[in-house]
Amino acid sequence: MNIFRDINEIKFDKNTVLTLGTFDGIHLGHQEIIKRVIETSETENLRNLVITFHPHPRKVINPEMNLKLLTTSVEQIKIFEQLGVKNLFIINFTKEFSQLTPNEFIKNFLVEKIGLRKIVIGYDHHFGKGRGGDVEFLNSCADKYGFEVSQIQQFLVDNEPVSSTKIRAAIESGDIQRANKMLGRTYSFSGVVIEGDKRGRELGYPTANIKLNDKDKLLPQIGIYAVMVELNGITYKALLSIGKRPTFYNDGEVIPEVYIYDFNSDIYGQEIKVNVIQKLRGEEKFNSAEELIRQMNIDRENGLKVLNQIKELTN
């Protein structure tokens, strides 16, 4: 896959089918759009191109929101490539860029610089200053600039339209199974294993503390989860704890840490990927270490029950 970060790197080619959007999560609805782009490029012998933005536009326009991401830029690149995208243009989204009118963007970027035969968009897509660009606007430009517009309808899961906002809300509430259904894959995050206070080892449950690769990545709601972790090309069953460890600390930092079943190797400094399967319970404060250990034993069994039902992990 060719990755462009400067429009001047892209060779003009009128025979191009493209789509554009933030694509946070690259959920099933997004995947339908990408699928249409790729199918069109193959059947009509057109160059396929996906245009996205970094950082996320909402983080630039409304920085006070402290928006957390479903997919980091690194994760997006990997998923786009897996889906068959041949050309990816990542636009550096700035306040200045946000002031471009829809017509300026279509004319100056797509028509005159990149080249455009067909554009594919989602059912509720908007772009440009004031979100003034939509399917009606694109249709009004189609004859003027000589391209075609294809709109993908809502993608439903359990009779509900899929959206990044709904997936984010599901993850923040701990409803991982709902989020995974809308994503079409297991929600995951990656990071580097760092040293902790070794409290888990003292309790008989050695854990690996994780420093996220991207601080803007969305973590699930505080609690205990059944997960699968990927380490050095091998997948392991594990438990994930996200929380402040209130049994030992009054005001701790929120830390993700994993206990890997039947594993006892030094993995400090190594990259680890956590695939979140199901929430088991919320975080609790126990009266003693012994009480916590009893609950951890229960978590271990409950986690195995969930993970043993998994026949295949979708990455």
Protein backbone atom coordinates (compact mmCIF):
# COMPACT_ATOMS: atom_id res chain seq x y z
CA MET A 1 0.00 0.00 0.00
CA ASN A 2 1.23 3.46 -0.93
CA ILE A 3 0.96 5.98 1.90
CA PHE A 4 0.97 9.70 1.07
CA ARG A 5 1.14 12.60 3.52
CA ASP A 6 1.65 15.37 0.96
CA ILE A 7 -0.72 15.87 -1.96
CA ASN A 8 2.22 16.74 -4.20
CA GLU A 9 3.43 13.14 -3.80
CA ILE A 10 0.29 11.84 -5.53
CA LYS A 11 0.42 11.50 -9.29
CA PHE A 12 -2.61 12.97 -11.06
CA ASP A 13 -4.84 10.24 -12.47
CA LYS A 14 -8.36 10.99 -13.65
CA ASN A 15 -9.17 7.29 -13.49
CA THR A 16 -9.43 7.23 -9.70
CA VAL A 17 -12.18 5.99 -7.37
CA LEU A 18 -11.88 7.31 -3.85
CA THR A 19 -13.57 7.83 -0.54
CA LEU A 20 -12.82 10.19 2.30
CA GLY A 21 -13.57 10.35 5.99
CA THR A 22 -12.18 10.13 9.49
CA PHE A 23 -12.91 6.39 9.65
CA ASP A 24 -12.37 6.14 13.41
CA GLY A 25 -12.76 2.46 14.22
CA ILE A 26 -13.08 1.38 10.56
CA HIS A 27 -16.30 -0.37 11.63
CA LEU A 28 -18.62 -2.50 9.49
CA GLY A 29 -20.23 0.57 7.93
CA HIS A 30 -16.83 1.95 6.95
CA GLN A 31 -15.84 -1.46 5.63
CA GLU A 32 -18.82 -1.48 3.27
CA ILE A 33 -17.61 1.84 1.83
CA ILE A 34 -14.06 0.54 1.41
CA LYS A 35 -15.40 -2.66 -0.15
CA ARG A 36 -17.33 -0.64 -2.76
CA VAL A 37 -14.24 1.43 -3.59
CA ILE A 38 -12.11 -1.67 -4.10
CA GLU A 39 -14.76 -3.53 -6.12
CA THR A 40 -15.23 -0.47 -8.37
CA SER A 41 -11.49 -0.12 -8.89
CA GLU A 42 -11.20 -3.78 -9.89
CA THR A 43 -14.22 -3.97 -12.20
CA GLU A 44 -13.56 -0.62 -13.92
CA ASN A 45 -9.75 -0.66 -13.80
CA LEU A 46 -9.48 2.48 -11.66
CA ARG A 47 -6.91 3.52 -9.07
CA ASN A 48 -8.36 3.14 -5.57
CA LEU A 49 -7.60 5.78 -2.96
CA VAL A 50 -8.72 6.40 0.61
CA ILE A 51 -8.36 9.88 2.09
CA THR A 52 -8.36 10.28 5.84
CA PHE A 53 -7.21 12.85 8.39
CA HIS A 54 -4.73 13.03 11.24
CA PRO A 55 -5.15 14.19 13.90
CA HIS A 56 -8.86 13.48 14.27
CA PRO A 57 -10.73 16.66 13.16
CA ARG A 58 -12.67 16.88 16.42
CA LYS A 59 -9.41 16.97 18.38
CA VAL A 60 -8.39 20.06 16.39
CA ILE A 61 -11.74 21.85 16.29
CA ASN A 62 -12.80 20.97 19.87
CA PRO A 63 -9.59 20.13 21.77
CA GLU A 64 -11.32 20.59 25.13
CA MET A 65 -13.34 17.40 24.44
CA ASN A 66 -10.23 15.24 24.96
CA LEU A 67 -11.56 12.76 22.42
CA LYS A 68 -10.19 9.22 22.69
CA LEU A 69 -9.70 7.18 19.53
CA LEU A 70 -11.08 3.79 18.53
CA THR A 71 -8.18 3.35 16.11
CA THR A 72 -4.82 5.07 16.17
CA SER A 73 -3.17 6.17 12.93
CA VAL A 74 -0.88 3.12 13.04
CA GLU A 75 -3.86 0.79 13.53
CA GLN A 76 -5.79 2.44 10.70
CA ILE A 77 -2.94 1.97 8.26
CA LYS A 78 -2.74 -1.73 9.07
CA ILE A 79 -6.51 -2.27 8.74
CA PHE A 80 -6.77 -0.34 5.47
CA GLU A 81 -4.01 -2.49 4.01
CA GLN A 82 -5.73 -5.68 5.20
CA LEU A 83 -8.94 -4.53 3.49
CA GLY A 84 -7.15 -4.13 0.16
CA VAL A 85 -6.62 -0.37 -0.07
CA LYS A 86 -3.79 0.36 -2.49
CA ASN A 87 -3.36 4.09 -1.89
CA LEU A 88 -3.86 6.00 1.35
CA PHE A 89 -3.62 9.79 1.67
CA ILE A 90 -3.38 11.03 5.27
CA ILE A 91 -4.10 14.75 5.39
CA ASN A 92 -2.57 16.74 8.23
CA PHE A 93 -5.73 18.23 9.68
CA THR A 94 -5.18 21.78 10.95
CA LYS A 95 -7.42 24.69 11.85
CA GLU A 96 -6.40 26.29 8.57
CA PHE A 97 -7.42 23.19 6.63
CA SER A 98 -10.76 23.13 8.47
CA GLN A 99 -11.62 26.49 6.89
CA LEU A 100 -11.63 25.10 3.36
CA THR A 101 -15.10 25.23 1.84
CA PRO A 102 -16.49 22.01 0.37
CA ASN A 103 -16.09 23.42 -3.13
CA GLU A 104 -12.45 24.42 -2.51
CA PHE A 105 -11.67 20.93 -1.28
CA ILE A 106 -13.39 19.18 -4.18
CA LYS A 107 -11.94 21.44 -6.87
CA ASN A 108 -8.44 22.12 -5.53
CA PHE A 109 -7.69 18.74 -3.98
CA LEU A 110 -9.75 16.03 -5.64
CA VAL A 111 -10.46 17.25 -9.17
CA GLU A 112 -7.35 19.25 -10.06
CA LYS A 113 -4.61 17.63 -7.94
CA ILE A 114 -5.53 13.96 -7.48
CA GLY A 115 -7.94 13.23 -10.30
CA LEU A 116 -11.42 11.81 -9.82
CA ARG A 117 -13.70 9.49 -11.76
CA LYS A 118 -15.89 8.20 -8.91
CA ILE A 119 -16.36 9.04 -5.23
CA VAL A 120 -17.99 6.74 -2.67
CA ILE A 121 -19.42 8.14 0.58
CA GLY A 122 -21.50 6.96 3.52
CA TYR A 123 -25.13 7.80 4.11
CA ASP A 124 -24.47 10.68 6.54
CA HIS A 125 -21.09 11.94 5.38
CA HIS A 126 -20.29 15.65 5.68
CA PHE A 127 -17.06 17.50 4.99
CA GLY A 128 -15.62 20.98 4.56
CA LYS A 129 -16.11 24.18 6.52
CA GLY A 130 -19.28 24.03 8.59
CA ARG A 131 -19.76 20.43 7.42
CA GLY A 132 -21.37 21.91 4.33
CA GLY A 133 -20.35 19.12 1.98
CA ASP A 134 -22.83 16.25 1.71
CA VAL A 135 -24.23 13.94 -0.95
CA GLU A 136 -26.47 16.68 -2.36
CA PHE A 137 -23.49 18.97 -2.73
CA LEU A 138 -21.41 16.24 -4.36
CA ASN A 139 -24.20 15.48 -6.83
CA SER A 140 -24.32 19.16 -7.74
CA CYS A 141 -20.57 19.02 -8.45
CA ALA A 142 -20.64 15.75 -10.39
CA ASP A 143 -21.74 17.13 -13.77
CA LYS A 144 -19.64 20.28 -13.37
CA TYR A 145 -16.40 18.41 -12.72
CA GLY A 146 -17.11 15.15 -14.52
CA PHE A 147 -17.27 12.49 -11.83
CA GLU A 148 -19.85 10.08 -10.41
CA VAL A 149 -21.15 9.80 -6.85
CA SER A 150 -22.02 6.52 -5.12
CA GLN A 151 -23.64 6.58 -1.69
CA ILE A 152 -23.61 3.59 0.68
CA GLN A 153 -26.69 3.12 2.82
CA GLN A 154 -26.77 2.65 6.59
CA PHE A 155 -25.17 -0.54 7.85
CA LEU A 156 -27.28 -2.15 10.57
CA VAL A 157 -26.32 -4.49 13.38
CA ASP A 158 -29.29 -5.87 15.32
CA ASN A 159 -31.47 -3.38 13.42
CA GLU A 160 -29.39 -0.45 14.67
CA PRO A 161 -27.21 1.82 12.49
CA VAL A 162 -23.51 1.38 13.20
CA SER A 163 -21.48 4.47 14.10
CA SER A 164 -18.18 5.35 15.74
CA THR A 165 -20.06 7.30 18.40
CA LYS A 166 -22.13 4.24 19.40
CA ILE A 167 -19.06 2.01 19.47
CA ARG A 168 -17.18 4.50 21.63
CA ALA A 169 -20.12 4.66 24.05
CA ALA A 170 -20.30 0.85 24.22
CA ILE A 171 -16.59 0.56 25.05
CA GLU A 172 -16.78 3.33 27.64
CA SER A 173 -19.68 1.50 29.32
CA GLY A 174 -17.93 -1.88 29.24
CA ASP A 175 -20.25 -3.43 26.65
CA ILE A 176 -17.39 -4.91 24.66
CA GLN A 177 -19.47 -7.58 22.96
CA ARG A 178 -21.74 -4.94 21.40
CA ALA A 179 -18.75 -2.88 20.33
CA ASN A 180 -17.07 -5.93 18.76
CA LYS A 181 -20.21 -6.77 16.78
CA MET A 182 -20.32 -3.28 15.28
CA LEU A 183 -16.59 -3.23 14.60
CA GLY A 184 -16.67 -6.60 12.90
CA ARG A 185 -13.55 -7.60 14.86
CA THR A 186 -12.24 -7.70 18.40
CA TYR A 187 -11.49 -4.32 19.96
CA SER A 188 -7.82 -4.09 20.81
CA PHE A 189 -5.06 -1.84 22.06
CA SER A 190 -1.28 -2.16 22.06
CA GLY A 191 1.56 -1.00 24.21
CA VAL A 192 4.88 -1.81 25.82
CA VAL A 193 5.23 -3.88 28.98
CA ILE A 194 6.71 -1.76 31.78
CA GLU A 195 7.69 -2.45 35.37
CA GLY A 196 5.00 -2.02 38.01
CA ASP A 197 5.00 -2.41 41.78
CA LYS A 198 4.99 -6.24 41.43
CA ARG A 199 1.93 -6.39 43.69
CA GLY A 200 0.33 -9.07 41.51
CA ARG A 201 3.35 -11.33 41.84
CA GLU A 202 3.06 -11.15 45.63
CA LEU A 203 -0.58 -12.23 45.33
CA GLY A 204 0.23 -15.17 43.08
CA TYR A 205 -1.03 -13.39 39.97
CA PRO A 206 1.95 -11.78 38.20
CA THR A 207 0.74 -9.08 35.82
CA ALA A 208 2.27 -7.10 32.99
CA ASN A 209 1.66 -3.36 33.22
CA ILE A 210 1.13 -1.75 29.83
CA LYS A 211 2.11 1.69 28.61
CA LEU A 212 -0.11 2.51 25.63
CA ASN A 213 1.57 3.22 22.29
CA ASP A 214 -0.77 6.18 21.82
CA LYS A 215 -2.08 8.18 24.78
CA ASP A 216 -5.19 9.07 22.77
CA LYS A 217 -6.28 5.44 22.43
CA LEU A 218 -9.61 4.67 24.14
CA LEU A 219 -9.41 2.18 27.00
CA PRO A 220 -12.51 0.22 28.05
CA GLN A 221 -14.40 1.10 31.21
CA ILE A 222 -12.59 0.38 34.48
CA GLY A 223 -13.01 -3.29 35.40
CA ILE A 224 -11.86 -6.87 34.81
CA TYR A 225 -12.01 -8.44 31.34
CA ALA A 226 -11.40 -11.74 29.60
CA VAL A 227 -8.89 -11.05 26.82
CA MET A 228 -6.50 -12.65 24.36
CA VAL A 229 -3.03 -11.16 24.15
CA GLU A 230 -0.52 -11.34 21.32
CA LEU A 231 3.14 -11.46 22.24
CA ASN A 232 6.04 -12.35 19.94
CA GLY A 233 3.66 -13.85 17.41
CA ILE A 234 1.92 -16.12 19.94
CA THR A 235 -1.62 -15.67 21.26
CA TYR A 236 -2.34 -16.32 24.95
CA LYS A 237 -5.45 -16.39 27.12
CA ALA A 238 -5.35 -13.64 29.74
CA LEU A 239 -7.25 -11.41 32.14
CA LEU A 240 -7.14 -7.63 31.84
CA SER A 241 -7.50 -5.26 34.77
CA ILE A 242 -8.12 -1.59 34.09
CA GLY A 243 -8.27 0.46 37.25
CA LYS A 244 -6.71 2.24 40.20
CA ARG A 245 -6.23 -0.83 42.45
CA PRO A 246 -8.32 0.64 45.30
CA THR A 247 -7.54 -2.22 47.69
CA PHE A 248 -3.98 -0.88 47.99
CA TYR A 249 -4.18 2.75 46.81
CA ASN A 250 -6.57 5.56 47.71
CA ASP A 251 -5.98 7.60 44.57
CA GLY A 252 -4.04 5.54 42.06
CA GLU A 253 -3.45 6.10 38.37
CA VAL A 254 -5.64 4.17 35.94
CA ILE A 255 -3.41 1.35 34.68
CA PRO A 256 -4.07 -1.49 32.22
CA GLU A 257 -2.37 -4.71 33.28
CA VAL A 258 -2.73 -8.30 32.12
CA TYR A 259 -2.39 -11.63 33.86
CA ILE A 260 -1.45 -14.24 31.26
CA TYR A 261 -2.58 -17.78 32.03
CA ASP A 262 0.22 -20.29 32.63
CA PHE A 263 2.94 -17.79 31.74
CA ASN A 264 5.97 -16.70 33.72
CA SER A 265 8.57 -15.04 31.48
CA ASP A 266 10.32 -11.67 31.67
CA ILE A 267 8.69 -9.53 28.97
CA TYR A 268 9.63 -6.02 30.10
CA GLY A 269 10.10 -3.70 27.15
CA GLN A 270 8.25 -5.95 24.73
CA GLU A 271 5.30 -5.01 22.54
CA ILE A 272 1.97 -6.57 23.52
CA LYS A 273 -1.47 -6.43 21.89
CA VAL A 274 -4.61 -6.93 23.96
CA ASN A 275 -7.80 -8.18 22.26
CA VAL A 276 -10.73 -7.45 24.57
CA ILE A 277 -13.38 -10.18 24.56
CA GLN A 278 -15.80 -9.63 27.46
CA LYS A 279 -16.15 -7.72 30.70
CA LEU A 280 -16.32 -9.96 33.78
CA ARG A 281 -16.97 -7.43 36.54
CA GLY A 282 -16.32 -3.90 37.74
CA GLU A 283 -13.42 -2.84 39.94
CA GLU A 284 -13.94 -3.43 43.66
CA LYS A 285 -12.17 -2.46 46.88
CA PHE A 286 -11.56 -5.45 49.12
CA ASN A 287 -11.00 -5.47 52.87
CA SER A 288 -7.85 -7.57 52.67
CA ALA A 289 -5.36 -9.12 50.26
CA GLU A 290 -6.82 -12.54 51.08
CA GLU A 291 -10.29 -11.40 50.04
CA LEU A 292 -8.86 -10.03 46.80
CA ILE A 293 -7.06 -13.31 46.08
CA ARG A 294 -10.32 -15.24 46.53
CA GLN A 295 -12.00 -12.98 43.98
CA MET A 296 -9.04 -13.28 41.60
CA ASN A 297 -9.38 -17.06 41.76
CA ILE A 298 -13.03 -16.67 40.76
CA ASP A 299 -12.06 -14.27 37.96
CA ARG A 300 -9.52 -16.78 36.70
CA GLU A 301 -12.16 -19.48 36.39
CA ASN A 302 -14.79 -17.16 34.89
CA GLY A 303 -12.28 -15.84 32.38
CA LEU A 304 -11.37 -19.35 31.28
CA LYS A 305 -15.05 -20.20 30.76
CA VAL A 306 -15.37 -17.23 28.39
CA LEU A 307 -12.09 -17.78 26.57
CA ASN A 308 -12.55 -21.51 26.14
CA GLN A 309 -15.69 -20.79 24.13
CA ILE A 310 -13.71 -18.86 21.54
CA LYS A 311 -13.03 -21.00 18.50
CA GLU A 312 -11.25 -18.35 16.52
CA LEU A 313 -10.03 -14.87 17.34
CA THR A 314 -10.70 -12.26 14.68
CA ASN A 315 -7.82 -9.75 14.46
